Amino acid sequence: MIIVTGQVRFAEGEIARLTPAFRMNIQATRAEAGCARYAYGVDVADPNLLHVVEEWSDEEAVNTHMNSPHMTDLMTALGSAKIEAISIVAYEAHFLKTLLGGGRG
């Protein structure tokens, strides 16, 4: 399993402006083979900070995703964005245990 996590700090108003592009990318990505989880979330304490969380079956699925047409579209949209900082990394992982709630949701 591959876990991708990261943060992107945008200038004021950029997340709202890019929301349609984010939504289209999320919908297309969740339909990809090997995608178990794919989400963006705005930090409740910082409205200009976007969190990225992904779970993939393997590295091949991640590579296919990164080369998909909808990722090209997202990168084009991000090309005009005012990004102040970005860090997105991938980890090879295995399920350890449930910390809260029931199951691996």
C-alpha atoms as a PDB file:
ATOM      1  CA  MET A   1       0.000   0.000   0.000  1.00  0.00           C
ATOM      2  CA  ILE A   2       1.196   3.495  -0.819  1.00  0.00           C
ATOM      3  CA  ILE A   3       0.148   6.435   1.369  1.00  0.00           C
ATOM      4  CA  VAL A   4       0.519   9.925  -0.079  1.00  0.00           C
ATOM      5  CA  THR A   5       0.216  12.891   2.230  1.00  0.00           C
ATOM      6  CA  GLY A   6       0.993  16.532   1.928  1.00  0.00           C
ATOM      7  CA  GLN A   7       0.166  20.171   2.401  1.00  0.00           C
ATOM      8  CA  VAL A   8      -0.165  23.056   0.000  1.00  0.00           C
ATOM      9  CA  ARG A   9      -0.225  26.634   1.280  1.00  0.00           C
ATOM     10  CA  PHE A  10      -2.094  28.931  -1.077  1.00  0.00           C
ATOM     11  CA  ALA A  11      -2.448  32.699  -1.152  1.00  0.00           C
ATOM     12  CA  GLU A  12      -5.745  34.120   0.108  1.00  0.00           C
ATOM     13  CA  GLY A  13      -8.720  33.062  -2.013  1.00  0.00           C
ATOM     14  CA  GLU A  14      -6.881  30.545  -4.189  1.00  0.00           C
ATOM     15  CA  ILE A  15      -8.472  27.427  -2.693  1.00  0.00           C
ATOM     16  CA  ALA A  16     -11.974  28.784  -3.376  1.00  0.00           C
ATOM     17  CA  ARG A  17     -10.961  29.729  -6.931  1.00  0.00           C
ATOM     18  CA  LEU A  18      -9.514  26.268  -7.596  1.00  0.00           C
ATOM     19  CA  THR A  19     -12.310  24.260  -5.962  1.00  0.00           C
ATOM     20  CA  PRO A  20     -13.978  23.286  -9.271  1.00  0.00           C
ATOM     21  CA  ALA A  21     -10.645  21.917 -10.583  1.00  0.00           C
ATOM     22  CA  PHE A  22     -10.060  20.073  -7.292  1.00  0.00           C
ATOM     23  CA  ARG A  23     -13.562  18.567  -7.403  1.00  0.00           C
ATOM     24  CA  MET A  24     -13.165  17.328 -10.993  1.00  0.00           C
ATOM     25  CA  ASN A  25      -9.772  15.794 -10.192  1.00  0.00           C
ATOM     26  CA  ILE A  26     -11.055  14.054  -7.069  1.00  0.00           C
ATOM     27  CA  GLN A  27     -14.030  12.538  -8.902  1.00  0.00           C
ATOM     28  CA  ALA A  28     -11.873  11.238 -11.761  1.00  0.00           C
ATOM     29  CA  THR A  29      -9.156   9.939  -9.446  1.00  0.00           C
ATOM     30  CA  ARG A  30     -11.530   8.019  -7.175  1.00  0.00           C
ATOM     31  CA  ALA A  31     -12.607   6.018 -10.247  1.00  0.00           C
ATOM     32  CA  GLU A  32      -9.025   4.949 -11.037  1.00  0.00           C
ATOM     33  CA  ALA A  33      -7.865   1.378 -10.552  1.00  0.00           C
ATOM     34  CA  GLY A  34      -5.807   1.067  -7.377  1.00  0.00           C
ATOM     35  CA  CYS A  35      -7.228   4.161  -5.674  1.00  0.00           C
ATOM     36  CA  ALA A  36      -8.545   3.316  -2.195  1.00  0.00           C
ATOM     37  CA  ARG A  37      -8.718   6.893  -0.854  1.00  0.00           C
ATOM     38  CA  TYR A  38      -8.225  10.335  -2.359  1.00  0.00           C
ATOM     39  CA  ALA A  39      -9.164  13.538  -0.566  1.00  0.00           C
ATOM     40  CA  TYR A  40      -8.279  17.174  -0.133  1.00  0.00           C
ATOM     41  CA  GLY A  41      -9.255  19.044   3.014  1.00  0.00           C
ATOM     42  CA  VAL A  42      -8.989  22.659   4.041  1.00  0.00           C
ATOM     43  CA  ASP A  43      -7.397  23.081   7.477  1.00  0.00           C
ATOM     44  CA  VAL A  44     -10.045  24.321   9.952  1.00  0.00           C
ATOM     45  CA  ALA A  45      -7.438  26.527  11.679  1.00  0.00           C
ATOM     46  CA  ASP A  46      -5.941  27.898   8.446  1.00  0.00           C
ATOM     47  CA  PRO A  47      -8.247  28.438   5.437  1.00  0.00           C
ATOM     48  CA  ASN A  48      -5.289  28.810   3.070  1.00  0.00           C
ATOM     49  CA  LEU A  49      -3.793  25.394   3.870  1.00  0.00           C
ATOM     50  CA  LEU A  50      -4.923  22.375   1.870  1.00  0.00           C
ATOM     51  CA  HIS A  51      -4.204  18.845   3.130  1.00  0.00           C
ATOM     52  CA  VAL A  52      -3.786  15.985   0.655  1.00  0.00           C
ATOM     53  CA  VAL A  53      -4.457  12.365   1.682  1.00  0.00           C
ATOM     54  CA  GLU A  54      -4.269   9.409  -0.699  1.00  0.00           C
ATOM     55  CA  GLU A  55      -4.130   5.618  -0.424  1.00  0.00           C
ATOM     56  CA  TRP A  56      -3.076   3.491  -3.395  1.00  0.00           C
ATOM     57  CA  SER A  57      -2.712  -0.244  -3.944  1.00  0.00           C
ATOM     58  CA  ASP A  58       0.826   0.061  -5.296  1.00  0.00           C
ATOM     59  CA  GLU A  59       3.386   2.346  -6.876  1.00  0.00           C
ATOM     60  CA  GLU A  60       2.232   1.476 -10.395  1.00  0.00           C
ATOM     61  CA  ALA A  61      -1.228   2.881  -9.580  1.00  0.00           C
ATOM     62  CA  VAL A  62       0.358   6.101  -8.273  1.00  0.00           C
ATOM     63  CA  ASN A  63       2.474   6.451 -11.420  1.00  0.00           C
ATOM     64  CA  THR A  64      -0.539   5.851 -13.674  1.00  0.00           C
ATOM     65  CA  HIS A  65      -2.468   8.475 -11.712  1.00  0.00           C
ATOM     66  CA  MET A  66       0.319  11.042 -11.982  1.00  0.00           C
ATOM     67  CA  ASN A  67       0.306  10.622 -15.779  1.00  0.00           C
ATOM     68  CA  SER A  68      -3.478  10.728 -16.186  1.00  0.00           C
ATOM     69  CA  PRO A  69      -5.254  13.403 -18.246  1.00  0.00           C
ATOM     70  CA  HIS A  70      -7.084  14.749 -15.181  1.00  0.00           C
ATOM     71  CA  MET A  71      -3.777  15.260 -13.358  1.00  0.00           C
ATOM     72  CA  THR A  72      -2.502  17.149 -16.393  1.00  0.00           C
ATOM     73  CA  ASP A  73      -5.620  19.323 -16.177  1.00  0.00           C
ATOM     74  CA  LEU A  74      -5.046  19.900 -12.451  1.00  0.00           C
ATOM     75  CA  MET A  75      -1.392  20.809 -12.996  1.00  0.00           C
ATOM     76  CA  THR A  76      -2.493  23.317 -15.646  1.00  0.00           C
ATOM     77  CA  ALA A  77      -4.925  24.895 -13.167  1.00  0.00           C
ATOM     78  CA  LEU A  78      -2.241  24.955 -10.466  1.00  0.00           C
ATOM     79  CA  GLY A  79       0.151  26.630 -12.913  1.00  0.00           C
ATOM     80  CA  SER A  80      -1.759  29.883 -12.503  1.00  0.00           C
ATOM     81  CA  ALA A  81      -2.226  29.512  -8.735  1.00  0.00           C
ATOM     82  CA  LYS A  82      -0.422  31.526  -6.110  1.00  0.00           C
ATOM     83  CA  ILE A  83       1.235  28.722  -4.158  1.00  0.00           C
ATOM     84  CA  GLU A  84       3.384  29.789  -1.216  1.00  0.00           C
ATOM     85  CA  ALA A  85       4.618  26.320  -0.191  1.00  0.00           C
ATOM     86  CA  ILE A  86       4.034  22.728  -1.228  1.00  0.00           C
ATOM     87  CA  SER A  87       5.157  19.345   0.091  1.00  0.00           C
ATOM     88  CA  ILE A  88       3.589  16.064  -1.024  1.00  0.00           C
ATOM     89  CA  VAL A  89       5.329  12.775  -0.263  1.00  0.00           C
ATOM     90  CA  ALA A  90       4.643   9.058  -0.697  1.00  0.00           C
ATOM     91  CA  TYR A  91       5.253   6.262   1.797  1.00  0.00           C
ATOM     92  CA  GLU A  92       5.148   2.518   1.434  1.00  0.00           C
ATOM     93  CA  ALA A  93       2.955   1.288   4.288  1.00  0.00           C
ATOM     94  CA  HIS A  94       0.905  -1.534   5.749  1.00  0.00           C
ATOM     95  CA  PHE A  95      -2.160  -1.421   7.974  1.00  0.00           C
ATOM     96  CA  LEU A  96      -1.182  -1.411  11.641  1.00  0.00           C
ATOM     97  CA  LYS A  97      -4.334  -1.002  13.746  1.00  0.00           C
ATOM     98  CA  THR A  98      -7.543   0.936  14.184  1.00  0.00           C
ATOM     99  CA  LEU A  99      -7.078   3.809  16.646  1.00  0.00           C
ATOM    100  CA  LEU A 100     -10.698   5.029  16.892  1.00  0.00           C
ATOM    101  CA  GLY A 101     -14.033   3.773  15.588  1.00  0.00           C
ATOM    102  CA  GLY A 102     -14.872   0.522  13.929  1.00  0.00           C
ATOM    103  CA  GLY A 103     -12.833  -0.791  11.061  1.00  0.00           C
ATOM    104  CA  ARG A 104     -10.537   0.610   8.425  1.00  0.00           C
ATOM    105  CA  GLY A 105     -12.722   3.405   7.077  1.00  0.00           C
END
